[in-house]
N, C-alpha and C. Protein backbone atom coordinates (compact mmCIF):
# COMPACT_ATOMS: atom_id res chain seq x y z
N MET A 1 32.36 -39.77 26.53
CA MET A 1 33.06 -40.96 26.07
C MET A 1 34.38 -40.57 25.42
N ILE A 2 34.34 -39.55 24.54
CA ILE A 2 35.57 -39.13 23.86
C ILE A 2 36.59 -38.61 24.86
N LEU A 3 36.11 -37.90 25.87
CA LEU A 3 37.03 -37.33 26.86
C LEU A 3 37.76 -38.40 27.66
N ASN A 4 37.22 -39.60 27.70
CA ASN A 4 37.84 -40.67 28.47
C ASN A 4 38.80 -41.53 27.65
N ILE A 5 38.95 -41.24 26.37
CA ILE A 5 39.85 -42.02 25.51
C ILE A 5 41.30 -41.67 25.84
N GLU A 6 42.10 -42.69 26.03
CA GLU A 6 43.50 -42.48 26.37
C GLU A 6 44.43 -42.88 25.23
N ASN A 7 43.89 -43.18 24.08
CA ASN A 7 44.69 -43.60 22.93
C ASN A 7 45.23 -42.34 22.22
N ASP A 8 46.53 -42.08 22.39
CA ASP A 8 47.13 -40.87 21.83
C ASP A 8 47.02 -40.81 20.32
N ASN A 9 47.13 -41.95 19.66
CA ASN A 9 47.05 -41.98 18.20
C ASN A 9 45.65 -41.56 17.74
N PHE A 10 44.63 -42.05 18.40
CA PHE A 10 43.26 -41.68 18.07
C PHE A 10 43.03 -40.19 18.31
N ILE A 11 43.49 -39.70 19.45
CA ILE A 11 43.33 -38.29 19.78
C ILE A 11 44.04 -37.42 18.74
N LYS A 12 45.21 -37.82 18.29
CA LYS A 12 45.93 -37.08 17.26
C LYS A 12 45.14 -37.05 15.96
N LYS A 13 44.56 -38.18 15.57
CA LYS A 13 43.76 -38.23 14.35
C LYS A 13 42.55 -37.32 14.43
N VAL A 14 41.89 -37.32 15.56
CA VAL A 14 40.72 -36.46 15.75
C VAL A 14 41.14 -35.00 15.71
N THR A 15 42.24 -34.67 16.37
CA THR A 15 42.76 -33.30 16.38
C THR A 15 43.12 -32.85 14.97
N ASP A 16 43.81 -33.70 14.22
CA ASP A 16 44.17 -33.37 12.84
C ASP A 16 42.93 -33.16 11.99
N PHE A 17 41.93 -34.01 12.17
CA PHE A 17 40.68 -33.89 11.42
C PHE A 17 40.02 -32.54 11.70
N ILE A 18 39.93 -32.18 12.95
CA ILE A 18 39.29 -30.92 13.34
C ILE A 18 40.06 -29.74 12.78
N ASN A 19 41.37 -29.79 12.87
CA ASN A 19 42.20 -28.68 12.38
C ASN A 19 42.15 -28.54 10.87
N ASN A 20 41.90 -29.62 10.16
CA ASN A 20 41.89 -29.58 8.70
C ASN A 20 40.52 -29.29 8.11
N GLU A 21 39.49 -29.26 8.95
CA GLU A 21 38.14 -28.96 8.46
C GLU A 21 38.10 -27.52 7.97
N LYS A 22 37.32 -27.30 6.92
CA LYS A 22 37.15 -25.94 6.42
C LYS A 22 36.40 -25.12 7.46
N SER A 23 36.78 -23.86 7.54
CA SER A 23 36.08 -22.99 8.47
C SER A 23 34.74 -22.57 7.87
N ASP A 24 33.87 -22.13 8.70
CA ASP A 24 32.56 -21.65 8.29
C ASP A 24 32.74 -20.43 7.39
N PHE A 25 32.09 -20.40 6.23
CA PHE A 25 32.26 -19.30 5.29
C PHE A 25 31.93 -17.96 5.93
N TRP A 26 31.02 -17.98 6.90
CA TRP A 26 30.59 -16.73 7.55
C TRP A 26 31.80 -16.01 8.15
N ASN A 27 32.70 -16.78 8.75
CA ASN A 27 33.87 -16.18 9.39
C ASN A 27 34.86 -15.61 8.38
N GLU A 28 34.72 -16.00 7.13
CA GLU A 28 35.62 -15.50 6.09
C GLU A 28 35.08 -14.23 5.43
N LEU A 29 33.84 -13.86 5.75
CA LEU A 29 33.26 -12.64 5.19
C LEU A 29 33.71 -11.43 5.98
N SER A 30 33.78 -10.29 5.30
CA SER A 30 34.12 -9.05 6.00
C SER A 30 32.93 -8.62 6.86
N GLU A 31 33.20 -7.69 7.76
CA GLU A 31 32.12 -7.19 8.62
C GLU A 31 31.02 -6.53 7.80
N SER A 32 31.41 -5.82 6.74
CA SER A 32 30.39 -5.15 5.91
C SER A 32 29.55 -6.18 5.14
N GLU A 33 30.18 -7.27 4.69
CA GLU A 33 29.42 -8.33 4.01
C GLU A 33 28.45 -9.00 4.97
N GLN A 34 28.90 -9.26 6.19
CA GLN A 34 28.02 -9.85 7.19
C GLN A 34 26.86 -8.91 7.51
N ALA A 35 27.15 -7.61 7.60
CA ALA A 35 26.11 -6.63 7.90
C ALA A 35 25.06 -6.59 6.79
N GLU A 36 25.49 -6.66 5.53
CA GLU A 36 24.56 -6.65 4.41
C GLU A 36 23.67 -7.89 4.42
N ILE A 37 24.24 -9.03 4.73
CA ILE A 37 23.45 -10.26 4.79
C ILE A 37 22.43 -10.17 5.93
N LYS A 38 22.87 -9.69 7.08
CA LYS A 38 21.95 -9.54 8.21
C LYS A 38 20.83 -8.56 7.87
N LYS A 39 21.18 -7.50 7.15
CA LYS A 39 20.17 -6.52 6.72
C LYS A 39 19.14 -7.18 5.81
N GLY A 40 19.61 -7.99 4.87
CA GLY A 40 18.71 -8.69 3.96
C GLY A 40 17.80 -9.65 4.68
N ILE A 41 18.34 -10.37 5.66
CA ILE A 41 17.53 -11.30 6.45
C ILE A 41 16.46 -10.53 7.22
N LYS A 42 16.84 -9.40 7.79
CA LYS A 42 15.88 -8.57 8.53
C LYS A 42 14.77 -8.08 7.61
N GLN A 43 15.13 -7.68 6.39
CA GLN A 43 14.12 -7.22 5.43
C GLN A 43 13.14 -8.35 5.10
N LEU A 44 13.67 -9.56 4.92
CA LEU A 44 12.80 -10.70 4.65
C LEU A 44 11.86 -10.97 5.81
N GLU A 45 12.41 -10.90 7.03
CA GLU A 45 11.59 -11.13 8.22
C GLU A 45 10.50 -10.08 8.35
N ASP A 46 10.78 -8.88 7.86
CA ASP A 46 9.80 -7.79 7.93
C ASP A 46 8.82 -7.81 6.75
N GLY A 47 8.93 -8.82 5.91
CA GLY A 47 8.01 -8.95 4.79
C GLY A 47 8.38 -8.15 3.56
N LYS A 48 9.55 -7.57 3.55
CA LYS A 48 10.01 -6.79 2.40
C LYS A 48 10.70 -7.74 1.42
N ARG A 49 9.92 -8.25 0.48
CA ARG A 49 10.43 -9.23 -0.49
C ARG A 49 10.07 -8.81 -1.90
N THR A 50 10.85 -9.32 -2.81
CA THR A 50 10.54 -9.17 -4.23
C THR A 50 10.69 -10.54 -4.86
N SER A 51 9.65 -10.99 -5.52
CA SER A 51 9.70 -12.32 -6.12
C SER A 51 10.66 -12.32 -7.30
N PHE A 52 11.13 -13.49 -7.65
CA PHE A 52 12.05 -13.64 -8.77
C PHE A 52 11.41 -13.14 -10.06
N SER A 53 10.15 -13.44 -10.26
CA SER A 53 9.47 -13.01 -11.47
C SER A 53 9.37 -11.47 -11.53
N GLU A 54 9.18 -10.83 -10.38
CA GLU A 54 9.14 -9.36 -10.36
C GLU A 54 10.50 -8.77 -10.73
N VAL A 55 11.56 -9.39 -10.25
CA VAL A 55 12.91 -8.92 -10.59
C VAL A 55 13.14 -9.07 -12.08
N LEU A 56 12.73 -10.19 -12.65
CA LEU A 56 12.91 -10.41 -14.09
C LEU A 56 12.15 -9.36 -14.90
N LYS A 57 10.95 -9.00 -14.44
CA LYS A 57 10.17 -7.97 -15.14
C LYS A 57 10.90 -6.63 -15.10
N LYS A 58 11.51 -6.30 -13.98
CA LYS A 58 12.20 -5.01 -13.83
C LYS A 58 13.46 -4.93 -14.70
N ILE A 59 14.14 -6.06 -14.90
CA ILE A 59 15.39 -6.00 -15.65
C ILE A 59 15.24 -6.29 -17.14
N SER A 60 14.04 -6.66 -17.55
CA SER A 60 13.87 -6.97 -18.98
C SER A 60 13.18 -5.85 -19.73
């Protein structure tokens, strides 16, 4: 439906909206930051977790 719109003003508004949207934060992270996050996700998937209460015990 959008592809069939011939109203240039509407198309310009949609284009401006898309261009002004904030980019995904992921793309703003460095490669090393992305790698660390992926590593953490993998650890969670592998069952390597520490509960919040356990962390509090270790730091207090």
